[in-house]
C-alpha atoms as a PDB file:
ATOM      1  CA  MET A   1     -21.057   4.127 -24.487  1.00  0.00           C
ATOM      2  CA  ASN A   2     -21.853   1.660 -21.914  1.00  0.00           C
ATOM      3  CA  VAL A   3     -20.175   0.454 -18.699  1.00  0.00           C
ATOM      4  CA  VAL A   4     -20.618  -3.006 -16.718  1.00  0.00           C
ATOM      5  CA  VAL A   5     -19.071  -3.541 -13.290  1.00  0.00           C
ATOM      6  CA  ASP A   6     -18.168  -7.101 -12.208  1.00  0.00           C
ATOM      7  CA  LEU A   7     -19.871  -6.965  -8.889  1.00  0.00           C
ATOM      8  CA  ASN A   8     -18.330 -10.353  -7.762  1.00  0.00           C
ATOM      9  CA  ARG A   9     -14.601  -8.845  -8.574  1.00  0.00           C
ATOM     10  CA  CYS A  10     -15.285  -5.356  -7.055  1.00  0.00           C
ATOM     11  CA  GLN A  11     -14.147  -5.007  -3.853  1.00  0.00           C
ATOM     12  CA  GLY A  12     -15.345  -1.415  -2.900  1.00  0.00           C
ATOM     13  CA  TYR A  13     -12.209   0.539  -2.964  1.00  0.00           C
ATOM     14  CA  ALA A  14     -14.589   3.268  -4.521  1.00  0.00           C
ATOM     15  CA  GLN A  15     -11.807   4.631  -7.158  1.00  0.00           C
ATOM     16  CA  CYS A  16     -14.757   4.602  -9.411  1.00  0.00           C
ATOM     17  CA  ALA A  17     -17.153   6.833  -7.168  1.00  0.00           C
ATOM     18  CA  PHE A  18     -14.399   9.492  -6.600  1.00  0.00           C
ATOM     19  CA  LEU A  19     -13.273   9.750 -10.368  1.00  0.00           C
ATOM     20  CA  ALA A  20     -16.704   9.621 -11.892  1.00  0.00           C
ATOM     21  CA  PRO A  21     -19.649  10.460  -9.289  1.00  0.00           C
ATOM     22  CA  GLU A  22     -21.994  10.864 -12.131  1.00  0.00           C
ATOM     23  CA  VAL A  23     -21.777   7.032 -13.005  1.00  0.00           C
ATOM     24  CA  PHE A  24     -20.593   5.259  -9.899  1.00  0.00           C
ATOM     25  CA  ALA A  25     -21.614   5.563  -6.316  1.00  0.00           C
ATOM     26  CA  MET A  26     -21.202   3.649  -3.213  1.00  0.00           C
ATOM     27  CA  HIS A  27     -24.295   2.262  -1.250  1.00  0.00           C
ATOM     28  CA  GLY A  28     -23.156   1.784   2.355  1.00  0.00           C
ATOM     29  CA  GLU A  29     -19.580   0.935   2.971  1.00  0.00           C
ATOM     30  CA  GLU A  30     -19.397  -1.801   0.250  1.00  0.00           C
ATOM     31  CA  SER A  31     -21.979  -1.963  -2.508  1.00  0.00           C
ATOM     32  CA  LEU A  32     -21.641  -0.210  -5.399  1.00  0.00           C
ATOM     33  CA  LEU A  33     -24.325   1.377  -7.678  1.00  0.00           C
ATOM     34  CA  TYR A  34     -23.833   2.554 -11.385  1.00  0.00           C
ATOM     35  CA  HIS A  35     -25.583   3.618 -14.316  1.00  0.00           C
ATOM     36  CA  PRO A  36     -25.058   1.196 -17.252  1.00  0.00           C
ATOM     37  CA  VAL A  37     -25.028   4.201 -19.846  1.00  0.00           C
ATOM     38  CA  VAL A  38     -22.442   6.976 -19.760  1.00  0.00           C
ATOM     39  CA  PRO A  39     -23.666  10.420 -19.838  1.00  0.00           C
ATOM     40  CA  ASP A  40     -22.468  12.417 -22.496  1.00  0.00           C
ATOM     41  CA  GLY A  41     -19.656  14.759 -21.296  1.00  0.00           C
ATOM     42  CA  HIS A  42     -18.659  12.004 -18.685  1.00  0.00           C
ATOM     43  CA  LEU A  43     -16.617   9.655 -20.840  1.00  0.00           C
ATOM     44  CA  GLU A  44     -12.870  10.824 -19.830  1.00  0.00           C
ATOM     45  CA  GLN A  45     -13.848  10.391 -15.960  1.00  0.00           C
ATOM     46  CA  VAL A  46     -15.193   7.085 -16.931  1.00  0.00           C
ATOM     47  CA  ARG A  47     -12.291   6.107 -18.631  1.00  0.00           C
ATOM     48  CA  ARG A  48     -10.175   7.126 -15.403  1.00  0.00           C
ATOM     49  CA  ALA A  49     -12.449   5.354 -13.432  1.00  0.00           C
ATOM     50  CA  VAL A  50     -11.892   2.007 -15.550  1.00  0.00           C
ATOM     51  CA  VAL A  51      -7.976   2.571 -15.388  1.00  0.00           C
ATOM     52  CA  ALA A  52      -7.931   3.288 -11.771  1.00  0.00           C
ATOM     53  CA  CYS A  53     -10.011   0.241 -10.532  1.00  0.00           C
ATOM     54  CA  PRO A  54      -7.204  -1.924  -8.364  1.00  0.00           C
ATOM     55  CA  VAL A  55      -9.197  -5.078  -9.399  1.00  0.00           C
ATOM     56  CA  GLN A  56     -10.139  -4.598 -13.110  1.00  0.00           C
ATOM     57  CA  ALA A  57     -13.722  -4.852 -12.419  1.00  0.00           C
ATOM     58  CA  ILE A  58     -14.820  -2.313 -14.941  1.00  0.00           C
ATOM     59  CA  VAL A  59     -15.412  -2.568 -18.527  1.00  0.00           C
ATOM     60  CA  MET A  60     -16.535  -0.092 -20.904  1.00  0.00           C
ATOM     61  CA  GLY A  61     -17.311  -0.041 -24.637  1.00  0.00           C
ATOM     62  CA  GLU A  62     -20.422  -0.118 -27.081  1.00  0.00           C
ATOM     63  CA  GLU A  63     -20.905  -3.772 -26.445  1.00  0.00           C
ATOM     64  CA  ALA A  64     -20.488  -3.714 -22.836  1.00  0.00           C
ATOM     65  CA  GLY A  65     -23.733  -5.462 -21.434  1.00  0.00           C
ATOM     66  CA  ALA A  66     -25.329  -5.851 -24.476  1.00  0.00           C
ATOM     67  CA  GLY A  67     -26.321  -9.707 -23.374  1.00  0.00           C
ATOM     68  CA  ALA A  68     -27.228  -8.583 -20.114  1.00  0.00           C
ATOM     69  CA  ARG A  69     -31.258  -8.505 -20.478  1.00  0.00           C
END
């Protein structure tokens, strides 16, 4: 499963980093780092992070990020 964050939309609320720290991490106060491939066993945490994002900047799915090469 893949995940993509629209970093132009992300406002650094860090809900994703709180809910799925294995995938999302804040770098400084406003920059988000993330792993585009969700590790096994962490799908539910990432799903919660997607729903919790107040600006809906996170997209999750098999096709997420497929065109970004």
